[in-house]
C-alpha atoms as a PDB file:
ATOM      1  CA  MET A   1     -18.752  36.500 -10.446  1.00  0.00           C
ATOM      2  CA  THR A   2     -16.426  34.454 -12.645  1.00  0.00           C
ATOM      3  CA  VAL A   3     -13.439  36.144 -11.089  1.00  0.00           C
ATOM      4  CA  LEU A   4     -14.588  35.109  -7.619  1.00  0.00           C
ATOM      5  CA  VAL A   5     -15.015  31.461  -8.694  1.00  0.00           C
ATOM      6  CA  TRP A   6     -11.581  31.289 -10.280  1.00  0.00           C
ATOM      7  CA  THR A   7     -10.040  33.105  -7.293  1.00  0.00           C
ATOM      8  CA  ALA A   8     -11.642  30.576  -4.919  1.00  0.00           C
ATOM      9  CA  ILE A   9     -10.400  27.654  -7.074  1.00  0.00           C
ATOM     10  CA  GLY A  10      -6.923  29.165  -7.163  1.00  0.00           C
ATOM     11  CA  LEU A  11      -6.839  29.632  -3.418  1.00  0.00           C
ATOM     12  CA  LEU A  12      -8.059  26.058  -2.896  1.00  0.00           C
ATOM     13  CA  VAL A  13      -5.354  24.667  -5.193  1.00  0.00           C
ATOM     14  CA  GLY A  14      -2.744  26.909  -3.579  1.00  0.00           C
ATOM     15  CA  GLY A  15      -3.758  25.743  -0.104  1.00  0.00           C
ATOM     16  CA  LEU A  16      -3.607  22.085  -1.171  1.00  0.00           C
ATOM     17  CA  LEU A  17      -0.128  22.664  -2.632  1.00  0.00           C
ATOM     18  CA  LEU A  18       0.973  24.314   0.597  1.00  0.00           C
ATOM     19  CA  VAL A  19      -0.320  21.396   2.697  1.00  0.00           C
ATOM     20  CA  ALA A  20       1.315  18.860   0.344  1.00  0.00           C
ATOM     21  CA  TRP A  21       4.631  20.732   0.539  1.00  0.00           C
ATOM     22  CA  TRP A  22       4.424  20.856   4.347  1.00  0.00           C
ATOM     23  CA  PHE A  23       3.781  17.145   4.738  1.00  0.00           C
ATOM     24  CA  ASP A  24       6.473  16.262   2.153  1.00  0.00           C
ATOM     25  CA  ARG A  25       8.997  18.427   3.968  1.00  0.00           C
ATOM     26  CA  ASP A  26       8.054  16.814   7.285  1.00  0.00           C
ATOM     27  CA  ALA A  27       8.400  13.312   5.779  1.00  0.00           C
ATOM     28  CA  ARG A  28      11.805  14.095   4.296  1.00  0.00           C
ATOM     29  CA  ARG A  29      12.922  15.447   7.645  1.00  0.00           C
ATOM     30  CA  ARG A  30      12.005  12.024   9.119  1.00  0.00           C
ATOM     31  CA  GLY A  31      14.080  10.270   6.469  1.00  0.00           C
ATOM     32  CA  ALA A  32      11.631   9.485   3.693  1.00  0.00           C
ATOM     33  CA  THR A  33      12.929   9.514   0.145  1.00  0.00           C
ATOM     34  CA  PRO A  34      10.991  10.511  -2.977  1.00  0.00           C
ATOM     35  CA  LEU A  35      10.893   6.869  -4.074  1.00  0.00           C
ATOM     36  CA  SER A  36       9.805   5.456  -0.723  1.00  0.00           C
ATOM     37  CA  GLY A  37       6.151   5.640  -1.774  1.00  0.00           C
ATOM     38  CA  ALA A  38       6.859   3.539  -4.851  1.00  0.00           C
ATOM     39  CA  THR A  39       8.761   1.072  -2.738  1.00  0.00           C
ATOM     40  CA  MET A  40       5.860   0.770  -0.327  1.00  0.00           C
ATOM     41  CA  GLY A  41       3.493   0.179  -3.254  1.00  0.00           C
ATOM     42  CA  ALA A  42       5.731  -2.535  -4.689  1.00  0.00           C
ATOM     43  CA  ASP A  43       5.941  -4.204  -1.249  1.00  0.00           C
ATOM     44  CA  ALA A  44       2.163  -4.129  -0.921  1.00  0.00           C
ATOM     45  CA  SER A  45       1.781  -5.572  -4.397  1.00  0.00           C
ATOM     46  CA  SER A  46       4.217  -8.419  -3.630  1.00  0.00           C
ATOM     47  CA  ARG A  47       2.349  -9.175  -0.385  1.00  0.00           C
ATOM     48  CA  ARG A  48      -0.946  -9.379  -2.334  1.00  0.00           C
ATOM     49  CA  TRP A  49       0.606 -11.776  -4.860  1.00  0.00           C
ATOM     50  CA  GLU A  50       2.021 -13.879  -2.032  1.00  0.00           C
ATOM     51  CA  VAL A  51      -1.464 -14.178  -0.459  1.00  0.00           C
ATOM     52  CA  ARG A  52      -2.938 -15.170  -3.806  1.00  0.00           C
ATOM     53  CA  ARG A  53      -0.207 -17.793  -4.279  1.00  0.00           C
ATOM     54  CA  ARG A  54      -0.910 -19.257  -0.872  1.00  0.00           C
ATOM     55  CA  GLU A  55      -4.669 -19.265  -1.480  1.00  0.00           C
ATOM     56  CA  SER A  56      -4.191 -21.074  -4.765  1.00  0.00           C
ATOM     57  CA  GLN A  57      -1.927 -23.666  -3.098  1.00  0.00           C
ATOM     58  CA  GLN A  58      -4.569 -24.220  -0.466  1.00  0.00           C
ATOM     59  CA  LEU A  59      -7.442 -24.495  -2.926  1.00  0.00           C
ATOM     60  CA  LEU A  60      -5.628 -26.837  -5.273  1.00  0.00           C
ATOM     61  CA  GLY A  61      -4.594 -29.116  -2.415  1.00  0.00           C
ATOM     62  CA  GLY A  62      -8.133 -30.354  -1.870  1.00  0.00           C
ATOM     63  CA  ALA A  63      -9.544 -31.944   1.263  1.00  0.00           C
ATOM     64  CA  THR A  64      -7.020 -34.441   2.575  1.00  0.00           C
ATOM     65  CA  PRO A  65      -6.486 -35.931   6.035  1.00  0.00           C
ATOM     66  CA  ARG A  66      -3.573 -33.585   6.501  1.00  0.00           C
ATOM     67  CA  GLY A  67      -5.533 -30.518   5.406  1.00  0.00           C
ATOM     68  CA  GLN A  68      -5.069 -28.765   8.718  1.00  0.00           C
ATOM     69  CA  ASP A  69      -1.269 -29.268   8.610  1.00  0.00           C
ATOM     70  CA  ALA A  70      -1.198 -28.021   5.006  1.00  0.00           C
ATOM     71  CA  HIS A  71      -3.251 -24.975   6.029  1.00  0.00           C
ATOM     72  CA  HIS A  72      -0.846 -24.207   8.849  1.00  0.00           C
ATOM     73  CA  GLY A  73       2.216 -24.721   6.602  1.00  0.00           C
ATOM     74  CA  THR A  74       0.782 -22.525   3.909  1.00  0.00           C
ATOM     75  CA  TRP A  75       0.081 -19.526   6.142  1.00  0.00           C
ATOM     76  CA  ARG A  76       3.072 -19.830   8.377  1.00  0.00           C
ATOM     77  CA  ARG A  77       5.482 -16.919   8.231  1.00  0.00           C
ATOM     78  CA  PRO A  78       8.805 -17.702   6.501  1.00  0.00           C
ATOM     79  CA  GLY A  79      11.454 -18.849   8.922  1.00  0.00           C
ATOM     80  CA  THR A  80       9.085 -19.985  11.652  1.00  0.00           C
END
């Protein structure tokens, strides 16, 4: 019985490794590099920090007559 359990676990891990290898090979064929995942994570992190920065600018600005303009200027994309 123990042999069957360990065989099933081994086959599951082997299957997962095969699927991971297949998708990695496909991604590299499309031009992905091994560090592209880390780059995407860093970009996502910088976007989150940018949103937090904008939120803090908006919250610290308070309610002023030009609040709507400040809101638009805070969330506007760079270069627009």
